[in-house]
Amino acid sequence: MPEITPEIPIERFEIFANGLDHPECLAFDRGGWLWAGGEAGQVYRVRPDGTAVETVAEMGGFCGGVAWTPDDAELFVCNPKHGVVRVNRDGKWTIFASHTGDGRLICPNFGLFDSRGNYFVTDSGNWKKHNGCLLKYTSDGRGEMVAGPFGYANGLALSTDERHVFMVESDTDSVYRIDVATGAAEVYAEHVGRLPDGVALDAEGELFASCYASDDIHRIGADGKVTLYAYDRWAILLSRPTNIAFRDGYIYASNLGRTTITRAQVGRAGRPLANQL
């Protein structure tokens, strides 16, 4: 069977930052600094030109999804050891949430904010146990379930009108679209690589998914059609890519399989996140 040619060659990617402890997620602040987590609970800050990586906090556990509050003041970090953690710019951290109601979070994975300050986060649940869900927390820490149960609930992206959340279900290689008001969920795309992890929307409304087990990125059109966007057969510049972000025409990828964040010039702008509006 002939190999599918990706839309952009892997040679377009370059190493932007190195020396991170297997970064799983990444998020830009308003000043262009890139923040990421490490597999031993580190929180990193990378200079806008990628020339230096600083360790801002160490909390143990494993740092997954990271997201800035709408005022760009605090970084919310998913860390299954603690729950959801809020980190100040000086590195001081406190636990924002470890439970929803009477239930303890099993595996908080990825979160994002809407413009009103609501924090949506996936609790992945246990692998292949179909006990994952999408949660919403208000700014005062009150949490509720939006939708579930799902398989391994993972990365999120918020639609431009903030009425829907796109959510990865990693153990079925699928992406759902969820109505945040009603919790109604529908399959948006299937056969998205192998073990999709993170998703990001570009300014044109196309969804991009980074896939952990297939070392690639897929583009998902508004009709749900899935196209191979980038692939690294050597797993060097895309090595277990877990999450992606757009900035200044580049697509950035965190590589859980290595110690790098890589990027490629693709001429696409991202859908602005809450701290960039």
Protein backbone atom coordinates (compact mmCIF):
# COMPACT_ATOMS: atom_id res chain seq x y z
CA MET A 1 0.00 0.00 0.00
CA PRO A 2 1.57 3.35 -1.02
CA GLU A 3 2.47 5.79 1.72
CA ILE A 4 0.28 8.90 1.93
CA THR A 5 2.15 12.13 1.28
CA PRO A 6 1.57 14.73 4.00
CA GLU A 7 0.61 18.29 3.09
CA ILE A 8 3.86 19.73 4.42
CA PRO A 9 7.25 17.97 4.52
CA ILE A 10 8.83 17.15 7.86
CA GLU A 11 11.91 19.08 6.72
CA ARG A 12 9.95 22.26 7.29
CA PHE A 13 10.05 21.63 11.04
CA GLU A 14 12.86 22.88 13.25
CA ILE A 15 13.75 22.63 16.93
CA PHE A 16 12.51 25.77 18.68
CA ALA A 17 13.50 24.86 22.24
CA ASN A 18 15.43 21.99 23.81
CA GLY A 19 16.19 20.69 27.29
CA LEU A 20 12.63 20.19 28.54
CA ASP A 21 11.74 17.02 30.43
CA HIS A 22 9.44 15.40 27.86
CA PRO A 23 6.97 18.28 27.43
CA GLU A 24 3.33 17.31 27.09
CA CYS A 25 1.60 20.68 26.60
CA LEU A 26 2.33 24.27 25.67
CA ALA A 27 0.65 27.68 25.85
CA PHE A 28 1.72 31.20 24.88
CA ASP A 29 1.23 34.19 27.14
CA ARG A 30 0.50 37.64 25.71
CA GLY A 31 4.17 38.57 25.66
CA GLY A 32 5.06 35.65 23.41
CA TRP A 33 6.71 33.53 26.10
CA LEU A 34 5.93 29.84 25.65
CA TRP A 35 5.04 27.88 28.79
CA ALA A 36 5.09 24.10 29.05
CA GLY A 37 5.03 21.27 31.57
CA GLY A 38 7.42 18.41 32.24
CA GLU A 39 6.91 14.78 33.13
CA ALA A 40 8.28 15.23 36.67
CA GLY A 41 5.99 18.15 37.48
CA GLN A 42 8.06 21.00 36.11
CA VAL A 43 6.60 24.19 34.67
CA TYR A 44 8.85 25.76 32.05
CA ARG A 45 9.04 29.20 30.49
CA VAL A 46 10.71 29.58 27.07
CA ARG A 47 11.96 32.92 25.75
CA PRO A 48 10.08 34.21 22.69
CA ASP A 49 13.11 33.49 20.49
CA GLY A 50 13.57 30.01 21.96
CA THR A 51 17.10 30.71 23.19
CA ALA A 52 16.54 29.90 26.86
CA VAL A 53 14.36 27.53 28.88
CA GLU A 54 13.71 28.40 32.53
CA THR A 55 12.19 26.18 35.20
CA VAL A 56 9.58 28.30 36.99
CA ALA A 57 7.99 25.68 39.28
CA GLU A 58 8.37 22.06 40.36
CA MET A 59 5.33 20.36 41.86
CA GLY A 60 5.98 16.66 41.36
CA GLY A 61 3.58 14.39 39.52
CA PHE A 62 3.19 14.93 35.79
CA CYS A 63 2.19 18.24 34.20
CA GLY A 64 -0.27 17.86 31.35
CA GLY A 65 -2.44 20.58 29.83
CA VAL A 66 -1.59 24.22 30.49
CA ALA A 67 -3.85 27.24 29.88
CA TRP A 68 -3.71 30.93 30.70
CA THR A 69 -6.55 32.69 32.47
CA PRO A 70 -8.28 35.37 30.36
CA ASP A 71 -6.38 38.13 32.20
CA ASP A 72 -3.07 36.37 31.44
CA ALA A 73 -2.22 36.36 35.14
CA GLU A 74 -2.22 32.67 36.07
CA LEU A 75 -1.38 29.41 34.34
CA PHE A 76 -3.74 26.52 35.05
CA VAL A 77 -1.97 23.17 34.92
CA CYS A 78 -3.47 19.67 34.84
CA ASN A 79 -1.51 17.40 37.14
CA PRO A 80 -3.16 14.10 38.14
CA LYS A 81 -1.22 13.98 41.41
CA HIS A 82 -2.82 17.22 42.61
CA GLY A 83 -5.77 17.90 40.32
CA VAL A 84 -5.91 21.29 38.60
CA VAL A 85 -3.17 23.62 39.80
CA ARG A 86 -2.93 27.40 39.40
CA VAL A 87 0.58 28.77 38.96
CA ASN A 88 1.60 32.41 39.38
CA ARG A 89 4.27 33.90 37.16
CA ASP A 90 6.74 33.77 40.05
CA GLY A 91 6.26 30.00 40.33
CA LYS A 92 4.06 29.89 43.42
CA TRP A 93 1.32 27.33 42.99
CA THR A 94 -1.87 26.27 44.72
CA ILE A 95 -4.47 23.60 44.02
CA PHE A 96 -7.53 25.00 42.26
CA ALA A 97 -9.59 21.82 42.15
CA SER A 98 -9.13 18.16 43.08
CA HIS A 99 -12.80 17.15 43.03
CA THR A 100 -16.05 17.76 41.22
CA GLY A 101 -18.80 17.50 43.79
CA ASP A 102 -17.98 14.47 45.92
CA GLY A 103 -15.94 12.77 43.23
CA ARG A 104 -12.17 13.07 43.04
CA LEU A 105 -10.68 13.79 39.63
CA ILE A 106 -9.15 10.64 38.18
CA CYS A 107 -6.85 12.08 35.52
CA PRO A 108 -7.27 15.79 34.73
CA ASN A 109 -5.67 16.08 31.31
CA PHE A 110 -6.30 19.26 29.34
CA GLY A 111 -8.08 22.53 30.08
CA LEU A 112 -8.98 25.82 28.42
CA PHE A 113 -10.81 29.04 29.28
CA ASP A 114 -13.64 30.80 27.55
CA SER A 115 -13.80 34.59 27.46
CA ARG A 116 -16.07 34.67 30.53
CA GLY A 117 -13.53 32.89 32.70
CA ASN A 118 -15.13 29.45 32.70
CA TYR A 119 -12.55 26.68 32.74
CA PHE A 120 -13.32 23.55 30.71
CA VAL A 121 -11.19 20.50 31.47
CA THR A 122 -11.15 16.84 30.53
CA ASP A 123 -10.92 14.15 33.15
CA SER A 124 -9.56 11.31 31.04
CA GLY A 125 -10.66 8.61 33.43
CA ASN A 126 -8.93 5.24 33.11
CA TRP A 127 -7.65 3.86 29.84
CA LYS A 128 -10.28 1.74 28.06
CA LYS A 129 -12.71 2.02 31.01
CA HIS A 130 -15.04 4.56 29.31
CA ASN A 131 -15.22 6.76 32.41
CA GLY A 132 -13.84 10.02 31.05
CA CYS A 133 -15.80 13.27 30.99
CA LEU A 134 -15.79 16.98 30.18
CA LEU A 135 -16.07 19.30 33.19
CA LYS A 136 -16.62 23.02 33.66
CA TYR A 137 -15.45 25.14 36.59
CA THR A 138 -16.51 28.69 37.30
CA SER A 139 -13.88 31.15 38.51
CA ASP A 140 -14.79 30.46 42.18
CA GLY A 141 -14.01 26.75 41.79
CA ARG A 142 -17.54 25.35 41.45
CA GLY A 143 -17.43 22.40 39.10
CA GLU A 144 -19.99 20.44 37.14
CA MET A 145 -20.04 17.76 34.49
CA VAL A 146 -20.81 19.01 30.99
CA ALA A 147 -20.79 15.69 29.15
CA GLY A 148 -19.83 12.06 29.58
CA PRO A 149 -19.00 9.30 29.92
CA PHE A 150 -16.39 9.03 27.17
CA GLY A 151 -13.39 6.93 26.45
CA TYR A 152 -10.03 8.55 27.22
CA ALA A 153 -11.06 12.24 27.09
CA ASN A 154 -8.12 14.38 26.07
CA GLY A 155 -7.35 17.63 24.20
CA LEU A 156 -9.82 20.47 23.71
CA ALA A 157 -10.43 23.40 21.39
CA LEU A 158 -13.17 26.01 21.73
CA SER A 159 -15.23 27.14 18.73
CA THR A 160 -15.11 30.79 17.74
CA ASP A 161 -18.64 31.43 19.02
CA GLU A 162 -17.80 29.52 22.24
CA ARG A 163 -20.91 27.37 21.84
CA HIS A 164 -19.04 24.14 21.19
CA VAL A 165 -15.95 22.38 22.43
CA PHE A 166 -14.02 19.97 20.23
CA MET A 167 -12.74 17.09 22.37
CA VAL A 168 -10.37 14.25 21.55
CA GLU A 169 -11.32 10.72 22.57
CA SER A 170 -7.90 9.14 22.36
CA ASP A 171 -8.77 5.47 22.69
CA THR A 172 -11.10 5.56 19.67
CA ASP A 173 -8.98 7.90 17.48
CA SER A 174 -11.96 10.27 17.35
CA VAL A 175 -12.88 13.91 17.89
CA TYR A 176 -16.25 14.94 19.35
CA ARG A 177 -18.07 18.23 19.09
CA ILE A 178 -19.91 19.04 22.33
CA ASP A 179 -22.57 21.68 22.91
CA VAL A 180 -21.41 23.37 26.12
CA ALA A 181 -24.95 24.49 27.04
CA THR A 182 -26.69 21.13 26.69
CA GLY A 183 -23.86 18.58 26.82
CA ALA A 184 -25.04 17.04 23.55
CA ALA A 185 -22.07 15.31 21.92
CA GLU A 186 -21.59 14.12 18.34
CA VAL A 187 -18.67 12.49 16.59
CA TYR A 188 -16.98 15.19 14.51
CA ALA A 189 -14.14 13.14 12.98
CA GLU A 190 -12.98 9.53 13.04
CA HIS A 191 -9.78 7.69 12.11
CA VAL A 192 -7.63 10.60 13.26
CA GLY A 193 -4.20 8.98 13.20
CA ARG A 194 -3.31 6.73 16.11
CA LEU A 195 -4.02 8.00 19.60
CA PRO A 196 -4.78 11.66 18.90
CA ASP A 197 -3.92 13.81 21.90
CA GLY A 198 -4.15 17.57 21.33
CA VAL A 199 -6.22 19.80 19.04
CA ALA A 200 -6.03 23.43 17.95
CA LEU A 201 -8.24 25.56 15.71
CA ASP A 202 -6.82 27.90 13.12
CA ALA A 203 -8.37 31.26 12.29
CA GLU A 204 -10.25 29.75 9.34
CA GLY A 205 -12.02 27.22 11.55
CA GLU A 206 -10.03 24.15 10.55
CA LEU A 207 -9.06 21.79 13.33
CA PHE A 208 -5.60 20.27 13.71
CA ALA A 209 -4.88 17.18 15.79
CA SER A 210 -1.50 15.94 17.02
CA CYS A 211 -1.24 12.16 17.36
CA TYR A 212 0.93 10.53 19.98
CA ALA A 213 1.23 7.01 18.58
CA SER A 214 1.66 7.86 14.90
CA ASP A 215 4.08 10.82 15.15
CA ASP A 216 1.92 13.04 12.96
CA ILE A 217 -0.52 15.93 12.72
CA HIS A 218 -3.86 15.75 10.94
CA ARG A 219 -6.01 18.53 9.51
CA ILE A 220 -9.77 18.20 9.94
CA GLY A 221 -11.98 20.25 7.64
CA ALA A 222 -15.37 21.70 8.53
CA ASP A 223 -16.94 18.65 6.88
CA GLY A 224 -15.04 16.31 9.20
CA LYS A 225 -12.69 15.11 6.45
CA VAL A 226 -9.31 14.08 7.87
CA THR A 227 -6.11 14.82 5.94
CA LEU A 228 -2.54 13.95 6.90
CA TYR A 229 -0.86 17.31 7.46
CA ALA A 230 2.63 16.38 8.70
CA TYR A 231 4.38 13.12 9.52
CA ASP A 232 7.82 12.17 10.82
CA ARG A 233 8.73 8.59 9.97
CA TRP A 234 11.92 8.99 12.04
CA ALA A 235 10.17 10.46 15.12
CA ILE A 236 12.76 13.20 15.53
CA LEU A 237 10.98 16.49 14.81
CA LEU A 238 7.57 15.05 15.60
CA SER A 239 8.20 12.50 18.33
CA ARG A 240 5.07 11.49 20.22
CA PRO A 241 3.59 14.96 19.59
CA THR A 242 0.98 15.55 22.24
CA ASN A 243 -0.17 19.13 21.79
CA ILE A 244 0.05 21.95 19.28
CA ALA A 245 -0.39 25.71 19.13
CA PHE A 246 -0.34 28.41 16.47
CA ARG A 247 1.55 31.70 16.68
CA ASP A 248 2.86 34.19 14.07
CA GLY A 249 2.32 31.82 11.17
CA TYR A 250 4.02 28.87 12.89
CA ILE A 251 2.57 25.66 14.24
CA TYR A 252 4.34 24.52 17.43
CA ALA A 253 4.39 20.96 18.76
CA SER A 254 5.38 19.59 22.15
CA ASN A 255 7.17 16.26 21.82
CA LEU A 256 6.58 13.91 24.73
CA GLY A 257 8.97 11.43 23.14
CA ARG A 258 11.88 13.86 23.29
CA THR A 259 13.06 16.97 25.13
CA THR A 260 12.00 19.44 22.47
CA ILE A 261 9.36 21.81 21.25
CA THR A 262 9.46 22.04 17.48
CA ARG A 263 7.78 24.32 14.96
CA ALA A 264 7.11 24.81 11.25
CA GLN A 265 6.23 27.93 9.28
CA VAL A 266 2.80 27.16 7.81
CA GLY A 267 1.36 30.63 7.21
CA ARG A 268 -1.66 29.99 9.41
CA ALA A 269 -2.99 32.00 12.32
CA GLY A 270 -4.61 30.30 15.26
CA ARG A 271 -8.03 30.93 16.70
CA PRO A 272 -7.20 33.40 19.54
CA LEU A 273 -7.37 31.84 23.00
CA ALA A 274 -9.00 33.56 25.96
CA ASN A 275 -5.83 35.38 27.07
CA GLN A 276 -5.25 36.66 23.51
CA LEU A 277 -8.66 38.26 22.89
